[in-house]
Amino acid sequence: MEHETAGDPVSGLKWTRRTTAKVADQLCALGIDVCPRTVARLLKAMGYSLRVNHKKLAGASHPRRDDQFRYIADLRERCAADNVPVFGVNYFCRSASTIFAG
């Protein structure tokens, strides 16, 4: 779950990028028989916020997009191990009016 966790550093909310069904499937593959509702309950008890997946506006993502995020996560871990500060920057390149303008 470590690399599948996202959150808002300002509000302290955290959530998983996986659905409860996918988490339950992964746990079942590891021999832990659990249903998605139990996963949801356990995640909530661990402080996760259950979020609804939103429809994407863009097309398919780059095939190596996951590799990019894993590289960033690895780099963040190495910096933290060396006591180097790590900063997160949220950048949204288009405003809602630009996306929906005709």
N, C-alpha and C. Protein backbone atom coordinates (compact mmCIF):
# COMPACT_ATOMS: atom_id res chain seq x y z
N MET A 1 0.82 -1.20 0.00
CA MET A 1 0.00 0.00 0.00
C MET A 1 0.86 1.26 0.00
N GLU A 2 2.11 1.12 0.35
CA GLU A 2 2.95 2.31 0.50
C GLU A 2 2.99 3.16 -0.77
N HIS A 3 3.19 2.54 -1.93
CA HIS A 3 3.29 3.29 -3.18
C HIS A 3 1.92 3.59 -3.76
N GLU A 4 0.87 3.04 -3.20
CA GLU A 4 -0.48 3.27 -3.70
C GLU A 4 -1.22 4.29 -2.84
N THR A 5 -0.54 4.87 -1.87
CA THR A 5 -1.17 5.84 -0.98
C THR A 5 -0.92 7.25 -1.50
N ALA A 6 -1.97 8.04 -1.52
CA ALA A 6 -1.88 9.45 -1.90
C ALA A 6 -2.49 10.26 -0.77
N GLY A 7 -2.32 11.55 -0.82
CA GLY A 7 -2.91 12.35 0.24
C GLY A 7 -2.74 13.83 0.03
N ASP A 8 -3.30 14.58 0.97
CA ASP A 8 -3.23 16.03 0.97
C ASP A 8 -2.46 16.45 2.20
N PRO A 9 -1.23 16.96 2.02
CA PRO A 9 -0.41 17.31 3.18
C PRO A 9 -1.00 18.45 4.01
N VAL A 10 -1.83 19.28 3.41
CA VAL A 10 -2.41 20.40 4.13
C VAL A 10 -3.49 19.91 5.09
N SER A 11 -4.41 19.10 4.59
CA SER A 11 -5.52 18.64 5.43
C SER A 11 -5.20 17.36 6.19
N GLY A 12 -4.16 16.64 5.76
CA GLY A 12 -3.81 15.39 6.42
C GLY A 12 -4.58 14.19 5.92
N LEU A 13 -5.47 14.40 4.94
CA LEU A 13 -6.23 13.27 4.39
C LEU A 13 -5.30 12.36 3.59
N LYS A 14 -5.59 11.08 3.63
CA LYS A 14 -4.86 10.14 2.78
C LYS A 14 -5.85 9.15 2.21
N TRP A 15 -5.52 8.63 1.04
CA TRP A 15 -6.37 7.66 0.37
C TRP A 15 -5.51 6.75 -0.48
N THR A 16 -6.09 5.68 -0.95
CA THR A 16 -5.37 4.73 -1.80
C THR A 16 -5.80 4.94 -3.24
N ARG A 17 -4.87 4.71 -4.15
CA ARG A 17 -5.18 4.84 -5.57
C ARG A 17 -5.89 3.59 -6.10
N ARG A 18 -5.93 2.55 -5.33
CA ARG A 18 -6.58 1.30 -5.72
C ARG A 18 -8.01 1.26 -5.17
N THR A 19 -8.88 0.58 -5.88
CA THR A 19 -10.23 0.38 -5.36
C THR A 19 -10.18 -0.68 -4.27
N THR A 20 -11.19 -0.70 -3.43
CA THR A 20 -11.23 -1.71 -2.37
C THR A 20 -11.31 -3.11 -2.98
N ALA A 21 -11.96 -3.24 -4.14
CA ALA A 21 -12.03 -4.55 -4.81
C ALA A 21 -10.64 -5.02 -5.25
N LYS A 22 -9.83 -4.10 -5.80
CA LYS A 22 -8.49 -4.47 -6.24
C LYS A 22 -7.60 -4.82 -5.05
N VAL A 23 -7.74 -4.08 -3.95
CA VAL A 23 -6.96 -4.40 -2.74
C VAL A 23 -7.37 -5.77 -2.22
N ALA A 24 -8.68 -6.06 -2.21
CA ALA A 24 -9.17 -7.36 -1.75
C ALA A 24 -8.63 -8.47 -2.66
N ASP A 25 -8.62 -8.24 -3.97
CA ASP A 25 -8.08 -9.24 -4.90
C ASP A 25 -6.60 -9.51 -4.64
N GLN A 26 -5.83 -8.45 -4.39
CA GLN A 26 -4.40 -8.62 -4.11
C GLN A 26 -4.19 -9.39 -2.81
N LEU A 27 -4.99 -9.09 -1.80
CA LEU A 27 -4.87 -9.81 -0.54
C LEU A 27 -5.26 -11.28 -0.70
N CYS A 28 -6.29 -11.55 -1.48
CA CYS A 28 -6.70 -12.93 -1.73
C CYS A 28 -5.58 -13.69 -2.46
N ALA A 29 -4.89 -13.01 -3.39
CA ALA A 29 -3.77 -13.65 -4.09
C ALA A 29 -2.64 -14.00 -3.12
N LEU A 30 -2.56 -13.27 -2.01
CA LEU A 30 -1.55 -13.56 -0.99
C LEU A 30 -2.04 -14.57 0.05
N GLY A 31 -3.27 -15.08 -0.15
CA GLY A 31 -3.81 -16.07 0.76
C GLY A 31 -4.62 -15.49 1.91
N ILE A 32 -4.93 -14.19 1.84
CA ILE A 32 -5.74 -13.54 2.88
C ILE A 32 -7.13 -13.33 2.30
N ASP A 33 -8.07 -14.15 2.73
CA ASP A 33 -9.43 -14.12 2.20
C ASP A 33 -10.20 -12.96 2.83
N VAL A 34 -10.50 -11.95 2.02
CA VAL A 34 -11.17 -10.75 2.53
C VAL A 34 -12.04 -10.17 1.41
N CYS A 35 -13.14 -9.54 1.79
CA CYS A 35 -14.03 -8.94 0.80
C CYS A 35 -13.77 -7.43 0.73
N PRO A 36 -14.19 -6.78 -0.35
CA PRO A 36 -13.97 -5.34 -0.50
C PRO A 36 -14.58 -4.50 0.63
N ARG A 37 -15.71 -4.92 1.18
CA ARG A 37 -16.32 -4.15 2.28
C ARG A 37 -15.45 -4.19 3.53
N THR A 38 -14.82 -5.34 3.79
CA THR A 38 -13.91 -5.44 4.92
C THR A 38 -12.68 -4.58 4.69
N VAL A 39 -12.17 -4.57 3.45
CA VAL A 39 -11.03 -3.71 3.11
C VAL A 39 -11.40 -2.25 3.37
N ALA A 40 -12.59 -1.84 2.94
CA ALA A 40 -13.04 -0.46 3.15
C ALA A 40 -13.08 -0.12 4.64
N ARG A 41 -13.61 -1.05 5.44
CA ARG A 41 -13.70 -0.82 6.88
C ARG A 41 -12.32 -0.70 7.50
N LEU A 42 -11.39 -1.59 7.10
CA LEU A 42 -10.04 -1.57 7.65
C LEU A 42 -9.27 -0.32 7.22
N LEU A 43 -9.43 0.08 5.96
CA LEU A 43 -8.76 1.29 5.50
C LEU A 43 -9.27 2.52 6.25
N LYS A 44 -10.57 2.57 6.48
CA LYS A 44 -11.14 3.69 7.23
C LYS A 44 -10.59 3.71 8.65
N ALA A 45 -10.45 2.54 9.27
CA ALA A 45 -9.89 2.45 10.62
C ALA A 45 -8.42 2.87 10.66
N MET A 46 -7.73 2.73 9.51
CA MET A 46 -6.32 3.13 9.42
C MET A 46 -6.16 4.60 9.04
N GLY A 47 -7.27 5.32 8.95
CA GLY A 47 -7.21 6.76 8.66
C GLY A 47 -7.31 7.13 7.20
N TYR A 48 -7.66 6.17 6.35
CA TYR A 48 -7.81 6.46 4.93
C TYR A 48 -9.20 7.01 4.66
N SER A 49 -9.29 7.94 3.73
CA SER A 49 -10.56 8.47 3.29
C SER A 49 -10.98 7.70 2.05
N LEU A 50 -12.19 7.22 2.01
CA LEU A 50 -12.67 6.49 0.84
C LEU A 50 -13.15 7.51 -0.19
N ARG A 51 -12.57 7.46 -1.35
CA ARG A 51 -12.86 8.45 -2.39
C ARG A 51 -13.46 7.75 -3.60
N VAL A 52 -14.23 8.51 -4.35
CA VAL A 52 -14.85 8.00 -5.56
C VAL A 52 -13.92 8.29 -6.73
N ASN A 53 -13.73 7.30 -7.59
CA ASN A 53 -12.94 7.52 -8.80
C ASN A 53 -13.71 8.45 -9.73
N HIS A 54 -13.00 9.42 -10.28
CA HIS A 54 -13.63 10.36 -11.21
C HIS A 54 -13.23 10.01 -12.63
N LYS A 55 -14.12 10.28 -13.56
CA LYS A 55 -13.83 10.02 -14.96
C LYS A 55 -12.68 10.90 -15.43
N LYS A 56 -11.75 10.30 -16.17
CA LYS A 56 -10.60 11.05 -16.67
C LYS A 56 -11.01 11.91 -17.86
N LEU A 57 -10.43 13.10 -17.95
CA LEU A 57 -10.68 13.98 -19.08
C LEU A 57 -9.70 13.69 -20.22
N ALA A 58 -8.51 13.23 -19.88
CA ALA A 58 -7.48 12.98 -20.89
C ALA A 58 -7.62 11.57 -21.44
N GLY A 59 -6.86 11.30 -22.47
CA GLY A 59 -6.84 9.97 -23.06
C GLY A 59 -6.00 9.03 -22.22
N ALA A 60 -5.53 7.98 -22.84
CA ALA A 60 -4.73 6.96 -22.14
C ALA A 60 -3.41 7.57 -21.65
N SER A 61 -2.95 7.10 -20.51
CA SER A 61 -1.70 7.61 -19.96
C SER A 61 -0.51 6.95 -20.65
N HIS A 62 0.64 7.55 -20.47
CA HIS A 62 1.87 7.04 -21.05
C HIS A 62 2.15 5.64 -20.51
N PRO A 63 2.63 4.69 -21.32
CA PRO A 63 2.85 3.32 -20.86
C PRO A 63 3.84 3.22 -19.70
N ARG A 64 4.76 4.17 -19.59
CA ARG A 64 5.76 4.11 -18.52
C ARG A 64 5.43 5.06 -17.38
N ARG A 65 4.18 5.54 -17.32
CA ARG A 65 3.78 6.50 -16.28
C ARG A 65 4.01 5.91 -14.89
N ASP A 66 3.68 4.64 -14.70
CA ASP A 66 3.86 3.99 -13.41
C ASP A 66 5.35 3.96 -13.03
N ASP A 67 6.21 3.73 -14.02
CA ASP A 67 7.65 3.75 -13.78
C ASP A 67 8.11 5.11 -13.28
N GLN A 68 7.52 6.18 -13.83
CA GLN A 68 7.88 7.53 -13.40
C GLN A 68 7.55 7.74 -11.93
N PHE A 69 6.36 7.31 -11.51
CA PHE A 69 5.96 7.49 -10.13
C PHE A 69 6.78 6.62 -9.18
N ARG A 70 7.11 5.42 -9.62
CA ARG A 70 7.97 4.56 -8.78
C ARG A 70 9.36 5.17 -8.63
N TYR A 71 9.89 5.78 -9.70
CA TYR A 71 11.18 6.44 -9.63
C TYR A 71 11.13 7.61 -8.63
N ILE A 72 10.07 8.40 -8.71
CA ILE A 72 9.92 9.53 -7.79
C ILE A 72 9.80 9.03 -6.35
N ALA A 73 9.03 7.96 -6.13
CA ALA A 73 8.88 7.41 -4.78
C ALA A 73 10.22 6.89 -4.25
N ASP A 74 10.99 6.23 -5.11
CA ASP A 74 12.31 5.73 -4.71
C ASP A 74 13.25 6.89 -4.37
N LEU A 75 13.23 7.93 -5.19
CA LEU A 75 14.07 9.10 -4.95
C LEU A 75 13.69 9.77 -3.63
N ARG A 76 12.38 9.87 -3.37
CA ARG A 76 11.90 10.45 -2.12
C ARG A 76 12.39 9.65 -0.92
N GLU A 77 12.35 8.32 -1.02
CA GLU A 77 12.82 7.47 0.08
C GLU A 77 14.32 7.64 0.32
N ARG A 78 15.10 7.71 -0.79
CA ARG A 78 16.55 7.88 -0.64
C ARG A 78 16.89 9.23 -0.01
N CYS A 79 16.17 10.28 -0.41
CA CYS A 79 16.41 11.60 0.17
C CYS A 79 16.05 11.60 1.66
N ALA A 80 14.93 10.98 2.00
CA ALA A 80 14.52 10.91 3.40
C ALA A 80 15.55 10.15 4.23
N ALA A 81 16.11 9.08 3.67
CA ALA A 81 17.12 8.30 4.38
C ALA A 81 18.39 9.11 4.63
N ASP A 82 18.70 10.05 3.73
CA ASP A 82 19.88 10.91 3.87
C ASP A 82 19.56 12.22 4.57
N ASN A 83 18.33 12.33 5.13
CA ASN A 83 17.88 13.55 5.81
C ASN A 83 17.89 14.78 4.90
N VAL A 84 17.60 14.57 3.63
CA VAL A 84 17.48 15.66 2.66
C VAL A 84 16.00 16.03 2.57
N PRO A 85 15.66 17.32 2.72
CA PRO A 85 14.24 17.71 2.66
C PRO A 85 13.61 17.34 1.31
N VAL A 86 12.35 16.95 1.36
CA VAL A 86 11.61 16.60 0.16
C VAL A 86 10.39 17.50 0.08
N PHE A 87 10.19 18.15 -1.05
CA PHE A 87 9.06 19.05 -1.23
C PHE A 87 8.14 18.49 -2.30
N GLY A 88 6.85 18.62 -2.08
CA GLY A 88 5.88 18.21 -3.08
C GLY A 88 5.25 19.45 -3.69
N VAL A 89 5.09 19.45 -5.01
CA VAL A 89 4.50 20.58 -5.70
C VAL A 89 3.33 20.08 -6.53
N ASN A 90 2.18 20.65 -6.30
CA ASN A 90 1.02 20.32 -7.11
C ASN A 90 0.93 21.33 -8.24
N TYR A 91 0.87 20.85 -9.47
CA TYR A 91 0.83 21.74 -10.61
C TYR A 91 -0.32 21.33 -11.51
N PHE A 92 -1.26 22.22 -11.70
CA PHE A 92 -2.40 21.96 -12.57
C PHE A 92 -2.28 22.92 -13.73
N CYS A 93 -2.01 22.41 -14.92
CA CYS A 93 -1.63 23.26 -16.05
C CYS A 93 -2.80 23.96 -16.73
N ARG A 94 -4.01 23.52 -16.49
CA ARG A 94 -5.15 24.15 -17.16
C ARG A 94 -6.23 24.47 -16.13
N SER A 95 -6.90 25.55 -16.33
CA SER A 95 -8.03 25.86 -15.47
C SER A 95 -9.27 25.16 -16.04
N ALA A 96 -10.29 25.03 -15.22
CA ALA A 96 -11.51 24.36 -15.67
C ALA A 96 -12.12 25.07 -16.88
N SER A 97 -12.00 26.41 -16.91
CA SER A 97 -12.58 27.16 -18.05
C SER A 97 -11.82 26.84 -19.33
N THR A 98 -10.51 26.58 -19.24
CA THR A 98 -9.73 26.24 -20.43
C THR A 98 -10.11 24.86 -20.95
N ILE A 99 -10.30 23.92 -20.03
CA ILE A 99 -10.62 22.54 -20.43
C ILE A 99 -11.97 22.49 -21.15
N PHE A 100 -12.95 23.21 -20.65
CA PHE A 100 -14.30 23.09 -21.18
C PHE A 100 -14.66 24.18 -22.19
N ALA A 101 -13.72 25.06 -22.50
CA ALA A 101 -13.99 26.10 -23.49
C ALA A 101 -14.13 25.47 -24.88
N GLY A 102 -15.03 25.96 -25.66
CA GLY A 102 -15.30 25.38 -26.96
C GLY A 102 -14.44 25.83 -28.03
